[in-house]
C-alpha atoms as a PDB file:
ATOM      1  CA  UNK A   1       0.109  -0.091  -0.045  1.00  0.00           C
ATOM      2  CA  UNK A   2       2.725   2.434   0.925  1.00  0.00           C
ATOM      3  CA  UNK A   3       4.229   1.804  -2.582  1.00  0.00           C
ATOM      4  CA  UNK A   4       1.211   3.688  -3.941  1.00  0.00           C
ATOM      5  CA  UNK A   5       0.903   6.460  -1.478  1.00  0.00           C
ATOM      6  CA  UNK A   6       2.165   7.363   2.001  1.00  0.00           C
ATOM      7  CA  UNK A   7       0.523   5.379   4.830  1.00  0.00           C
ATOM      8  CA  UNK A   8       0.106   6.112   8.498  1.00  0.00           C
ATOM      9  CA  UNK A   9      -0.600   4.223  11.743  1.00  0.00           C
ATOM     10  CA  UNK A  10      -1.826   5.859  15.021  1.00  0.00           C
ATOM     11  CA  UNK A  11      -1.566   3.858  18.326  1.00  0.00           C
ATOM     12  CA  UNK A  12      -3.523   5.630  21.256  1.00  0.00           C
ATOM     13  CA  UNK A  13      -2.776   4.543  24.880  1.00  0.00           C
ATOM     14  CA  UNK A  14       0.329   2.399  23.811  1.00  0.00           C
ATOM     15  CA  UNK A  15       0.761   1.688  27.467  1.00  0.00           C
ATOM     16  CA  UNK A  16      -2.265  -0.468  27.240  1.00  0.00           C
ATOM     17  CA  UNK A  17      -0.938  -2.723  24.499  1.00  0.00           C
ATOM     18  CA  UNK A  18       0.204  -6.232  25.382  1.00  0.00           C
ATOM     19  CA  UNK A  19       4.060  -6.540  25.366  1.00  0.00           C
ATOM     20  CA  UNK A  20       4.184  -8.642  22.354  1.00  0.00           C
ATOM     21  CA  UNK A  21       2.143  -6.098  20.232  1.00  0.00           C
ATOM     22  CA  UNK A  22       4.347  -3.290  21.526  1.00  0.00           C
ATOM     23  CA  UNK A  23       7.544  -5.160  20.589  1.00  0.00           C
ATOM     24  CA  UNK A  24       6.326  -5.694  17.161  1.00  0.00           C
ATOM     25  CA  UNK A  25       5.154  -2.205  16.574  1.00  0.00           C
ATOM     26  CA  UNK A  26       8.423  -0.727  18.053  1.00  0.00           C
ATOM     27  CA  UNK A  27      10.409  -3.099  15.759  1.00  0.00           C
ATOM     28  CA  UNK A  28       8.560  -2.055  12.754  1.00  0.00           C
ATOM     29  CA  UNK A  29       8.848   1.489  13.592  1.00  0.00           C
ATOM     30  CA  UNK A  30      12.560   1.330  13.710  1.00  0.00           C
ATOM     31  CA  UNK A  31      12.822  -0.233  10.118  1.00  0.00           C
ATOM     32  CA  UNK A  32      10.578   2.204   8.193  1.00  0.00           C
ATOM     33  CA  UNK A  33      12.861   5.288   8.486  1.00  0.00           C
ATOM     34  CA  UNK A  34      13.294   5.260   4.424  1.00  0.00           C
ATOM     35  CA  UNK A  35       9.698   4.146   3.735  1.00  0.00           C
ATOM     36  CA  UNK A  36       6.790   6.396   3.274  1.00  0.00           C
ATOM     37  CA  UNK A  37       4.946   5.219   6.331  1.00  0.00           C
ATOM     38  CA  UNK A  38       4.507   6.863   9.672  1.00  0.00           C
ATOM     39  CA  UNK A  39       3.849   5.605  13.004  1.00  0.00           C
ATOM     40  CA  UNK A  40       2.461   7.761  15.759  1.00  0.00           C
ATOM     41  CA  UNK A  41       2.133   6.337  19.358  1.00  0.00           C
ATOM     42  CA  UNK A  42       0.338   8.265  22.247  1.00  0.00           C
ATOM     43  CA  UNK A  43       1.171   7.113  25.653  1.00  0.00           C
ATOM     44  CA  UNK A  44       1.151   8.399  29.156  1.00  0.00           C
ATOM     45  CA  UNK A  45       4.734   6.980  29.602  1.00  0.00           C
ATOM     46  CA  UNK A  46       6.283   4.980  26.784  1.00  0.00           C
ATOM     47  CA  UNK A  47       7.367   1.535  27.374  1.00  0.00           C
ATOM     48  CA  UNK A  48      10.755   0.251  26.904  1.00  0.00           C
ATOM     49  CA  UNK A  49       9.570  -1.422  23.506  1.00  0.00           C
ATOM     50  CA  UNK A  50       9.644   2.224  21.981  1.00  0.00           C
ATOM     51  CA  UNK A  51      12.930   3.212  23.565  1.00  0.00           C
ATOM     52  CA  UNK A  52      15.197   4.967  20.936  1.00  0.00           C
ATOM     53  CA  UNK A  53      12.391   6.163  18.683  1.00  0.00           C
ATOM     54  CA  UNK A  54      11.773   9.979  18.328  1.00  0.00           C
ATOM     55  CA  UNK A  55       9.656  11.581  20.804  1.00  0.00           C
ATOM     56  CA  UNK A  56       7.546  14.794  21.091  1.00  0.00           C
ATOM     57  CA  UNK A  57       6.153  15.655  24.542  1.00  0.00           C
ATOM     58  CA  UNK A  58       2.761  17.103  24.272  1.00  0.00           C
ATOM     59  CA  UNK A  59       1.501  18.753  27.626  1.00  0.00           C
ATOM     60  CA  UNK A  60      -1.897  19.836  28.585  1.00  0.00           C
ATOM     61  CA  UNK A  61      -2.859  23.564  27.838  1.00  0.00           C
ATOM     62  CA  UNK A  62      -2.987  26.046  30.651  1.00  0.00           C
ATOM     63  CA  UNK A  63      -6.788  25.997  31.958  1.00  0.00           C
ATOM     64  CA  UNK A  64      -7.640  29.595  30.441  1.00  0.00           C
ATOM     65  CA  UNK A  65      -6.255  28.405  26.985  1.00  0.00           C
ATOM     66  CA  UNK A  66      -8.132  25.000  27.140  1.00  0.00           C
ATOM     67  CA  UNK A  67     -11.380  26.735  28.033  1.00  0.00           C
ATOM     68  CA  UNK A  68     -10.879  29.374  25.062  1.00  0.00           C
ATOM     69  CA  UNK A  69     -10.202  26.269  22.583  1.00  0.00           C
ATOM     70  CA  UNK A  70     -13.302  24.692  23.770  1.00  0.00           C
ATOM     71  CA  UNK A  71     -15.336  27.688  23.491  1.00  0.00           C
ATOM     72  CA  UNK A  72     -14.093  28.354  20.058  1.00  0.00           C
ATOM     73  CA  UNK A  73     -15.083  24.815  18.779  1.00  0.00           C
ATOM     74  CA  UNK A  74     -18.599  24.785  20.425  1.00  0.00           C
ATOM     75  CA  UNK A  75     -21.680  25.689  18.463  1.00  0.00           C
ATOM     76  CA  UNK A  76     -23.912  25.891  21.335  1.00  0.00           C
ATOM     77  CA  UNK A  77     -23.934  26.374  25.147  1.00  0.00           C
ATOM     78  CA  UNK A  78     -22.248  23.827  27.404  1.00  0.00           C
ATOM     79  CA  UNK A  79     -23.323  22.848  30.947  1.00  0.00           C
ATOM     80  CA  UNK A  80     -20.910  24.264  33.511  1.00  0.00           C
ATOM     81  CA  UNK A  81     -20.467  20.753  34.972  1.00  0.00           C
ATOM     82  CA  UNK A  82     -19.091  19.488  31.588  1.00  0.00           C
ATOM     83  CA  UNK A  83     -16.788  22.576  31.151  1.00  0.00           C
ATOM     84  CA  UNK A  84     -15.319  22.293  34.721  1.00  0.00           C
ATOM     85  CA  UNK A  85     -14.902  24.667  37.501  1.00  0.00           C
ATOM     86  CA  UNK A  86     -13.727  28.189  36.511  1.00  0.00           C
ATOM     87  CA  UNK A  87     -10.676  29.043  38.602  1.00  0.00           C
ATOM     88  CA  UNK A  88     -11.114  32.988  38.083  1.00  0.00           C
ATOM     89  CA  UNK A  89     -13.918  32.696  40.844  1.00  0.00           C
ATOM     90  CA  UNK A  90     -17.089  33.255  38.484  1.00  0.00           C
ATOM     91  CA  UNK A  91     -19.488  30.489  37.700  1.00  0.00           C
ATOM     92  CA  UNK A  92     -17.971  29.781  34.458  1.00  0.00           C
END
């Protein structure tokens, strides 16, 4: 498939993979450097099976920025319990 067009694989919550699956995916990721295939793993803490692969640490947004992002994407009102507490002291 990748010979025809680039391909990608995304693995979310890598920490929940069984060890054999993580080892296979880590093995594959290390050998695809020259091929038009991308693998992206999301993990709270990457396991040893992915050691040595390039990493990009993505941290959470500050609360005010997260709230602004949420509000910019919404088309209608959201209950304050869903939005979470507003640390500025008002009801949200």
